[in-house]
Amino acid sequence: MRRYEVNVETPIDEVLELAERYVSVRRALVEALSSSSRLTREYASQALLDMARVTPEVLFEHSDAFIDALYRPEAPTRYNSLEIIGILAHKDMRLIDKAWDAIEECLYDEESGTVRLAAFKVLCAYGASTIPRSKKAWRLISDALRCYHGDPEFISMLNEFIAMFRTGVDDTVKKQAREQFQFNADNGTGLLKRKAEEIVKLSRRRTPVKS
């Protein structure tokens, strides 16, 4: 197939059909992540995310481009790229180590709560993978839970953190999480109180051994 040119007017479903068949189409979409056009970058990132959800294995070789795309100025491209990295990392968590600085920058995104939540979700998946990784991720997770307390995304962040906590975390993380949420567990109200109580309860459980 001759060189493929990304056209934002083309329905994404049609592009995905071509991308499944032709390496050149996949490469064109990846290259479009660094296009000078914001619309083109957003379009390409959405198409690549749709592809990652179905055939992630064909995108591993382009992981550097997804990390680089975390620095694009528009939120949709950053969000879609975080989602792609999260999907690919399920096969190899070292990708998150490689993308760490960019993910941290997204965690403190000043414009988009959606991007912040996506970065937080990736960090929690990383922390859930091994005990040592839970300790590494905790510094950023803990700070984010302090910074975004009361934001619209906060309860979703707590849900992600609790899911990570249930897999087993470092003893230091358990202790510090209990200290961080004990006040809300004792004095909070409503959903926040229930979430804080769950974190405190989980912090007292023995950490399971991970293979």
Protein backbone atom coordinates (compact mmCIF):
# COMPACT_ATOMS: atom_id res chain seq x y z
CA MET A 1 0.00 0.00 0.00
CA ARG A 2 1.31 3.47 -0.88
CA ARG A 3 1.97 5.95 1.90
CA TYR A 4 -1.20 6.57 3.86
CA GLU A 5 -2.27 10.12 4.64
CA VAL A 6 -4.36 10.66 7.76
CA ASN A 7 -7.58 12.51 7.00
CA VAL A 8 -9.75 13.53 9.95
CA GLU A 9 -12.84 13.39 7.71
CA THR A 10 -12.48 9.62 7.30
CA PRO A 11 -14.66 7.62 9.74
CA ILE A 12 -12.43 6.03 12.33
CA ASP A 13 -14.00 2.60 11.73
CA GLU A 14 -12.73 2.72 8.15
CA VAL A 15 -9.24 3.69 9.29
CA LEU A 16 -9.18 0.85 11.80
CA GLU A 17 -10.05 -1.68 9.12
CA LEU A 18 -7.09 -0.46 7.07
CA ALA A 19 -4.80 -0.32 10.09
CA GLU A 20 -5.48 -3.96 10.87
CA ARG A 21 -4.27 -4.90 7.40
CA TYR A 22 -1.48 -2.43 6.70
CA VAL A 23 1.55 -1.52 8.79
CA SER A 24 1.84 1.72 6.83
CA VAL A 25 -1.54 2.90 8.12
CA ARG A 26 -0.57 2.20 11.72
CA ARG A 27 2.68 4.05 11.26
CA ALA A 28 0.88 7.01 9.70
CA LEU A 29 -1.46 7.23 12.67
CA VAL A 30 1.47 7.10 15.10
CA GLU A 31 3.31 9.80 13.15
CA ALA A 32 0.15 11.90 13.24
CA LEU A 33 0.47 12.13 17.02
CA SER A 34 3.15 14.74 16.39
CA SER A 35 1.26 16.55 13.63
CA SER A 36 1.13 20.35 13.72
CA SER A 37 -2.67 20.05 13.62
CA ARG A 38 -4.45 19.59 16.94
CA LEU A 39 -7.44 17.95 15.26
CA THR A 40 -5.17 15.47 13.51
CA ARG A 41 -3.42 14.58 16.77
CA GLU A 42 -6.73 14.06 18.56
CA TYR A 43 -8.11 11.97 15.70
CA ALA A 44 -5.00 9.78 15.53
CA SER A 45 -4.89 9.26 19.29
CA GLN A 46 -8.53 8.19 19.33
CA ALA A 47 -8.01 5.76 16.46
CA LEU A 48 -4.94 4.29 18.16
CA LEU A 49 -6.80 3.93 21.46
CA ASP A 50 -9.60 2.07 19.70
CA MET A 51 -6.95 -0.18 18.16
CA ALA A 52 -5.19 -0.73 21.50
CA ARG A 53 -8.44 -1.98 23.03
CA VAL A 54 -8.65 -4.73 20.42
CA THR A 55 -5.11 -5.54 19.21
CA PRO A 56 -2.61 -3.95 21.62
CA GLU A 57 0.20 -6.25 20.52
CA VAL A 58 0.63 -4.38 17.22
CA LEU A 59 1.32 -1.11 19.05
CA PHE A 60 4.11 -2.09 21.46
CA GLU A 61 6.81 -1.01 19.04
CA HIS A 62 5.40 2.51 19.08
CA SER A 63 5.45 2.98 22.87
CA ASP A 64 7.95 5.86 22.68
CA ALA A 65 5.51 7.83 20.52
CA PHE A 66 2.72 7.38 23.06
CA ILE A 67 4.98 8.61 25.84
CA ASP A 68 5.95 11.61 23.76
CA ALA A 69 2.28 12.34 23.07
CA LEU A 70 1.72 12.89 26.80
CA TYR A 71 3.35 16.28 26.29
CA ARG A 72 0.87 17.51 23.66
CA PRO A 73 -0.98 20.69 24.64
CA GLU A 74 -4.53 19.37 24.16
CA ALA A 75 -6.18 17.19 26.81
CA PRO A 76 -7.81 14.60 24.47
CA THR A 77 -4.46 13.52 23.04
CA ARG A 78 -2.90 13.28 26.49
CA TYR A 79 -5.87 11.33 27.83
CA ASN A 80 -6.00 8.88 24.92
CA SER A 81 -2.24 8.32 25.14
CA LEU A 82 -2.46 7.60 28.87
CA GLU A 83 -5.20 5.08 28.19
CA ILE A 84 -3.04 3.40 25.54
CA ILE A 85 -0.05 3.24 27.87
CA GLY A 86 -2.25 1.75 30.57
CA ILE A 87 -3.44 -0.97 28.21
CA LEU A 88 0.05 -1.79 26.95
CA ALA A 89 1.45 -1.79 30.47
CA HIS A 90 -0.73 -4.75 31.40
CA LYS A 91 1.72 -6.77 29.28
CA ASP A 92 4.85 -5.00 30.53
CA MET A 93 4.76 -2.62 33.50
CA ARG A 94 8.25 -1.39 32.66
CA LEU A 95 6.56 0.87 30.13
CA ILE A 96 5.23 2.93 33.04
CA ASP A 97 8.73 3.21 34.49
CA LYS A 98 9.84 4.54 31.13
CA ALA A 99 6.95 7.01 30.99
CA TRP A 100 7.17 7.99 34.66
CA ASP A 101 8.11 11.66 34.27
CA ALA A 102 5.46 12.27 31.62
CA ILE A 103 2.80 10.49 33.69
CA GLU A 104 3.72 12.59 36.70
CA GLU A 105 3.32 15.75 34.64
CA CYS A 106 -0.13 14.58 33.54
CA LEU A 107 -1.05 13.85 37.14
CA TYR A 108 -0.65 17.56 37.86
CA ASP A 109 -2.33 18.74 34.66
CA GLU A 110 -3.71 22.19 35.36
CA GLU A 111 -6.44 22.09 32.72
CA SER A 112 -8.05 18.67 32.73
CA GLY A 113 -9.39 16.60 35.59
CA THR A 114 -9.93 13.80 33.10
CA VAL A 115 -6.21 13.71 32.31
CA ARG A 116 -5.34 13.79 36.01
CA LEU A 117 -7.66 10.87 36.68
CA ALA A 118 -6.25 8.87 33.76
CA ALA A 119 -2.70 9.39 35.06
CA PHE A 120 -3.80 8.40 38.56
CA LYS A 121 -5.42 5.25 37.17
CA VAL A 122 -2.19 4.25 35.43
CA LEU A 123 -0.21 4.76 38.63
CA CYS A 124 -2.65 2.63 40.62
CA ALA A 125 -2.40 -0.18 38.06
CA TYR A 126 1.36 0.03 38.39
CA GLY A 127 1.16 -0.01 42.19
CA ALA A 128 -1.11 -3.03 42.10
CA SER A 129 1.38 -5.10 40.11
CA THR A 130 4.02 -5.71 42.82
CA ILE A 131 4.70 -4.74 46.43
CA PRO A 132 7.82 -2.67 45.58
CA ARG A 133 5.89 -0.84 42.86
CA SER A 134 3.12 0.01 45.32
CA LYS A 135 5.73 1.81 47.41
CA LYS A 136 7.14 3.68 44.43
CA ALA A 137 3.70 4.75 43.22
CA TRP A 138 2.50 5.78 46.67
CA ARG A 139 4.44 9.06 46.76
CA LEU A 140 2.53 10.40 43.76
CA ILE A 141 -0.75 8.72 44.68
CA SER A 142 -0.68 10.10 48.21
CA ASP A 143 0.09 13.61 47.02
CA ALA A 144 -2.67 13.49 44.40
CA LEU A 145 -5.21 12.34 47.00
CA ARG A 146 -4.27 15.38 49.07
CA CYS A 147 -4.21 17.83 46.17
CA TYR A 148 -7.51 16.82 44.59
CA HIS A 149 -9.56 16.23 47.72
CA GLY A 150 -13.04 17.52 46.91
CA ASP A 151 -12.54 17.68 43.14
CA PRO A 152 -15.18 16.01 40.92
CA GLU A 153 -12.73 13.17 40.16
CA PHE A 154 -11.78 12.53 43.77
CA ILE A 155 -14.16 9.66 44.51
CA SER A 156 -13.10 7.95 41.28
CA MET A 157 -9.50 8.34 42.43
CA LEU A 158 -10.38 6.75 45.75
CA ASN A 159 -12.01 3.84 43.93
CA GLU A 160 -8.85 3.27 41.88
CA PHE A 161 -6.70 3.46 45.00
CA ILE A 162 -8.91 1.04 46.92
CA ALA A 163 -8.73 -1.44 44.03
CA MET A 164 -4.93 -1.18 44.21
CA PHE A 165 -5.03 -1.55 48.00
CA ARG A 166 -7.02 -4.76 47.78
CA THR A 167 -4.25 -6.44 45.76
CA GLY A 168 -1.78 -5.94 48.60
CA VAL A 169 0.63 -3.06 49.15
CA ASP A 170 3.84 -2.29 50.99
CA ASP A 171 3.54 -2.05 54.78
CA THR A 172 4.75 1.55 54.68
CA VAL A 173 1.95 2.39 52.26
CA LYS A 174 -0.62 0.76 54.53
CA LYS A 175 0.59 2.69 57.56
CA GLN A 176 0.74 6.05 55.79
CA ALA A 177 -2.60 5.54 54.05
CA ARG A 178 -4.23 4.74 57.38
CA GLU A 179 -2.78 7.92 58.86
CA GLN A 180 -3.92 9.94 55.86
CA PHE A 181 -7.51 8.70 55.98
CA GLN A 182 -8.11 8.09 59.67
CA PHE A 183 -9.52 11.57 60.19
CA ASN A 184 -12.08 11.15 57.39
CA ALA A 185 -12.96 7.68 58.68
CA ASP A 186 -13.63 9.10 62.17
CA ASN A 187 -15.13 12.46 61.32
CA GLY A 188 -16.23 12.42 57.69
CA THR A 189 -19.73 11.96 56.31
CA GLY A 190 -21.39 10.15 53.45
CA LEU A 191 -19.47 8.45 50.69
CA LEU A 192 -16.11 9.92 51.67
CA LYS A 193 -16.44 8.50 55.19
CA ARG A 194 -17.29 5.05 53.81
CA LYS A 195 -14.34 5.08 51.44
CA ALA A 196 -11.99 6.25 54.18
CA GLU A 197 -13.28 3.54 56.52
CA GLU A 198 -12.60 0.93 53.84
CA ILE A 199 -9.04 2.17 53.35
CA VAL A 200 -8.39 2.08 57.10
CA LYS A 201 -9.85 -1.42 57.32
CA LEU A 202 -7.78 -2.66 54.39
CA SER A 203 -4.65 -1.13 55.89
CA ARG A 204 -4.93 -3.52 58.84
CA ARG A 205 -5.06 -6.63 56.69
CA ARG A 206 -2.06 -8.82 56.06
CA THR A 207 -0.53 -8.22 52.64
CA PRO A 208 -0.87 -11.29 50.39
CA VAL A 209 2.25 -12.67 48.75
CA LYS A 210 2.36 -11.83 45.05
CA SER A 211 3.87 -14.19 42.55
